Every structure is written in C-alpha cells, then in structure tokens.
Amino acid sequence: MIRLAIFIGYILLISCMEDIKRVFMYHGAEHKCINCIEHGMELTVENVRKSSRQHKRCGTSFLLFVMIVSIIFFAFIRVDSPVLRLFLRLALIPVIAGVSYELIRLAGRSDNGFVNLISKPGLMLQGLTTREPDDAMIEVGIASVEAIFDWRAYLAVEFAWTDTENKKGQV
C-alpha cells in the first residue's frame, strides 16, 4: 500500500508542473479521439470534444493493475532469503504483467458490474493523468490517430459507416 501511495503522490506532485499539465491535456485528447472512434463517430474536433477523457484500456489503468496485482502476488511470497525473494519477484514480473494485461483487455471489452467495479480505480486515477484539451491539442490527437490507424475503415467495418452526417453524436 505504501508503493501505491507513493505512486499516486508522485502523480499528484508532477501534475502541478506546467509542462506536465500540458502532457495530461494531450493524454486527454488521445482518450477523446479513441472514444470518438469507438463510439462510431467521425474523427472531427467537434465530435472529439464531446467524447469522454476516460478509457478503460488506458496505460494509467494498466499501471495501477500492475501495482495491485503485484501487491497481491507478493503478499504470498514469504521467503527469508533476500536473494531468493528477489529472484521470485523478478520471475513473477512477466506473470504479473500478463495478468494485468488480461484484466485491462477484459475491462475494454466487457461492461458487466464486476468489471466496471475493478475498472473504477483506474478511471479515477485517469482523473489525475488526463485534462480537458484545447482544440489545437485535439487536432494533434486526430493527426496522431490518422498517422497510425485507418479509422474510416474501422468505422466502415464496425459501424457500417458511410455517411459522415449521420455519425455526429455524443459520447
């Protein structure tokens, strides 16, 4: 629990820095862009602006899952030898990362009560690591998505998207 408090304290501390505030605004723009697409809307500044800053598959949520899963796993490692304890902790890193990855994937594709409950802490932490972006930041987010992802093809497949005027909604 001390590690968790240090992690959250660190995020709170750095969030006071002006440069980090801007980074968190760009992080918010990224989430808004992805949410816009995942809700079947055309990637425009207007649509992105209306989208949510919270995303269940966020890296921040993943880090929190890693911390919580590691606390649970390491609670069961009761070895007196510091060398063996270190070896076991290092050996469990891929297992912890894998379990955390599967939890974040489950959170992204499921909407049941239990999954929503275990996702809440990560979404709350995103309240610290994302900020509301300005339109210029949203445009950067859109350009970033367009550089790596054919969102139009995704919308065509997932939402039978053809007419941009019918896809302007609210998330």
Protein backbone atom coordinates (compact mmCIF):
# COMPACT_ATOMS: atom_id res chain seq x y z
CA MET A 1 0.00 0.00 0.00
CA ILE A 2 2.94 2.30 0.61
CA ARG A 3 4.05 1.84 -3.01
CA LEU A 4 0.57 2.71 -4.19
CA ALA A 5 0.53 5.86 -2.06
CA ILE A 6 3.96 6.87 -3.38
CA PHE A 7 2.79 6.33 -6.97
CA ILE A 8 -0.36 8.42 -6.52
CA GLY A 9 1.57 11.05 -4.57
CA TYR A 10 4.10 11.25 -7.39
CA ILE A 11 1.35 11.78 -9.96
CA LEU A 12 -0.22 14.46 -7.78
CA LEU A 13 3.13 16.18 -7.34
CA ILE A 14 4.10 16.23 -11.01
CA SER A 15 0.60 17.31 -12.03
CA CYS A 16 1.43 20.71 -10.51
CA MET A 17 4.11 21.29 -13.16
CA GLU A 18 3.00 23.35 -16.17
CA ASP A 19 4.67 21.07 -18.73
CA ILE A 20 3.05 18.00 -17.21
CA LYS A 21 -0.35 19.71 -17.21
CA ARG A 22 0.06 20.09 -20.98
CA VAL A 23 1.10 16.43 -21.30
CA PHE A 24 -2.04 15.45 -19.39
CA MET A 25 -4.11 17.61 -21.76
CA TYR A 26 -2.62 15.76 -24.74
CA HIS A 27 -3.35 12.50 -22.90
CA GLY A 28 -6.97 13.65 -22.60
CA ALA A 29 -7.04 14.43 -26.33
CA GLU A 30 -5.78 10.93 -27.10
CA HIS A 31 -8.52 9.32 -25.00
CA LYS A 32 -11.18 11.54 -26.53
CA CYS A 33 -10.06 10.59 -30.06
CA ILE A 34 -10.14 6.87 -29.31
CA ASN A 35 -13.53 7.13 -27.57
CA CYS A 36 -14.91 9.10 -30.50
CA ILE A 37 -13.91 6.36 -32.94
CA GLU A 38 -15.02 3.52 -30.67
CA HIS A 39 -18.46 5.11 -30.44
CA GLY A 40 -18.83 5.19 -34.22
CA MET A 41 -18.33 8.89 -34.79
CA GLU A 42 -16.28 10.66 -37.41
CA LEU A 43 -12.99 11.97 -36.09
CA THR A 44 -13.63 15.72 -36.08
CA VAL A 45 -12.73 18.34 -33.48
CA GLU A 46 -16.42 18.82 -32.70
CA ASN A 47 -17.07 15.10 -32.13
CA VAL A 48 -13.83 14.54 -30.23
CA ARG A 49 -14.58 17.49 -27.94
CA LYS A 50 -17.84 15.75 -26.89
CA SER A 51 -16.13 12.42 -26.16
CA SER A 52 -15.01 11.16 -22.76
CA ARG A 53 -11.50 11.56 -21.33
CA GLN A 54 -11.81 8.22 -19.53
CA HIS A 55 -10.83 4.98 -21.22
CA LYS A 56 -10.80 1.53 -19.63
CA ARG A 57 -7.74 0.38 -21.59
CA CYS A 58 -5.56 3.34 -20.59
CA GLY A 59 -1.90 2.80 -19.75
CA THR A 60 -2.51 4.56 -16.44
CA SER A 61 -5.12 1.95 -15.56
CA PHE A 62 -2.70 -0.77 -16.67
CA LEU A 63 -0.01 0.58 -14.33
CA LEU A 64 -2.49 0.58 -11.47
CA PHE A 65 -3.50 -3.02 -12.28
CA VAL A 66 0.21 -3.98 -12.32
CA MET A 67 0.71 -2.42 -8.90
CA ILE A 68 -2.37 -4.03 -7.37
CA VAL A 69 -1.70 -7.46 -8.91
CA SER A 70 1.93 -7.31 -7.75
CA ILE A 71 0.85 -6.42 -4.21
CA ILE A 72 -1.48 -9.43 -4.21
CA PHE A 73 1.12 -11.82 -5.69
CA PHE A 74 3.96 -10.61 -3.47
CA ALA A 75 1.81 -10.92 -0.36
CA PHE A 76 2.08 -14.69 -0.81
CA ILE A 77 5.86 -14.74 -1.19
CA ARG A 78 7.18 -15.40 2.28
CA VAL A 79 10.83 -16.30 1.81
CA ASP A 80 13.53 -15.47 4.34
CA SER A 81 16.37 -15.39 1.84
CA PRO A 82 16.63 -11.92 0.24
CA VAL A 83 18.29 -13.41 -2.85
CA LEU A 84 15.53 -15.99 -3.35
CA ARG A 85 12.85 -13.36 -2.67
CA LEU A 86 14.42 -11.07 -5.31
CA PHE A 87 14.65 -13.97 -7.77
CA LEU A 88 10.98 -14.89 -7.23
CA ARG A 89 9.87 -11.28 -7.61
CA LEU A 90 11.81 -10.92 -10.85
CA ALA A 91 10.49 -14.26 -12.11
CA LEU A 92 6.91 -13.14 -11.43
CA ILE A 93 7.18 -9.89 -13.40
CA PRO A 94 6.02 -11.49 -16.70
CA VAL A 95 3.17 -13.26 -14.88
CA ILE A 96 2.06 -10.03 -13.18
CA ALA A 97 2.26 -8.13 -16.47
CA GLY A 98 0.30 -10.88 -18.23
CA VAL A 99 -2.46 -10.99 -15.62
CA SER A 100 -2.67 -7.19 -15.65
CA TYR A 101 -2.81 -7.13 -19.45
CA GLU A 102 -5.64 -9.66 -19.49
CA LEU A 103 -7.54 -7.63 -16.88
CA ILE A 104 -7.20 -4.46 -18.96
CA ARG A 105 -8.36 -6.34 -22.08
CA LEU A 106 -11.34 -7.72 -20.16
CA ALA A 107 -12.18 -4.22 -18.95
CA GLY A 108 -12.08 -2.92 -22.51
CA ARG A 109 -14.46 -5.48 -23.96
CA SER A 110 -16.86 -6.07 -21.06
CA ASP A 111 -19.46 -3.91 -19.43
CA ASN A 112 -20.68 -6.01 -16.50
CA GLY A 113 -20.84 -4.77 -12.93
CA PHE A 114 -17.79 -6.62 -11.61
CA VAL A 115 -15.57 -5.45 -14.46
CA ASN A 116 -16.83 -1.89 -14.03
CA LEU A 117 -16.06 -2.13 -10.31
CA ILE A 118 -12.46 -3.27 -10.80
CA SER A 119 -12.01 -0.62 -13.51
CA LYS A 120 -13.14 2.25 -11.26
CA PRO A 121 -9.79 2.88 -9.52
CA GLY A 122 -8.01 3.17 -12.87
CA LEU A 123 -10.67 5.50 -14.22
CA MET A 124 -10.39 7.61 -11.07
CA LEU A 125 -6.62 7.75 -11.48
CA GLN A 126 -7.16 8.98 -15.03
CA GLY A 127 -8.82 11.99 -13.44
CA LEU A 128 -5.29 12.91 -12.40
CA THR A 129 -3.48 11.95 -15.62
CA THR A 130 -5.86 13.46 -18.18
CA ARG A 131 -7.04 17.03 -18.56
CA GLU A 132 -9.52 18.66 -20.89
CA PRO A 133 -7.59 19.52 -24.09
CA ASP A 134 -7.97 22.64 -26.20
CA ASP A 135 -8.92 22.39 -29.88
CA ALA A 136 -5.30 22.59 -31.06
CA MET A 137 -4.45 19.59 -28.89
CA ILE A 138 -7.46 17.73 -30.24
CA GLU A 139 -6.20 18.42 -33.77
CA VAL A 140 -2.81 16.96 -32.80
CA GLY A 141 -4.62 13.91 -31.39
CA ILE A 142 -6.59 13.49 -34.61
CA ALA A 143 -3.42 13.81 -36.71
CA SER A 144 -1.70 11.23 -34.49
CA VAL A 145 -4.53 8.75 -34.85
CA GLU A 146 -4.70 9.29 -38.61
CA ALA A 147 -0.94 8.69 -38.91
CA ILE A 148 -1.18 5.20 -37.42
CA PHE A 149 -4.75 4.00 -37.81
CA ASP A 150 -7.30 3.94 -40.64
CA TRP A 151 -10.26 4.97 -38.52
CA ARG A 152 -12.53 5.28 -41.56
CA ALA A 153 -12.00 1.60 -42.41
CA TYR A 154 -12.61 0.70 -38.76
CA LEU A 155 -15.89 2.65 -38.73
CA ALA A 156 -16.92 1.07 -42.04
CA VAL A 157 -16.39 -2.44 -40.66
CA GLU A 158 -17.59 -1.95 -37.07
CA PHE A 159 -20.44 0.52 -37.65
CA ALA A 160 -21.25 0.18 -41.38
CA TRP A 161 -20.15 3.81 -41.56
CA THR A 162 -20.70 5.57 -44.87
CA ASP A 163 -22.33 8.95 -44.24
CA THR A 164 -20.44 11.40 -42.03
CA GLU A 165 -23.55 13.47 -41.33
CA ASN A 166 -25.31 10.55 -39.63
CA LYS A 167 -22.42 9.85 -37.26
CA LYS A 168 -22.25 13.12 -35.37
CA GLY A 169 -23.44 12.12 -31.95
CA GLN A 170 -22.44 12.41 -28.36
CA VAL A 171 -20.39 10.09 -26.22
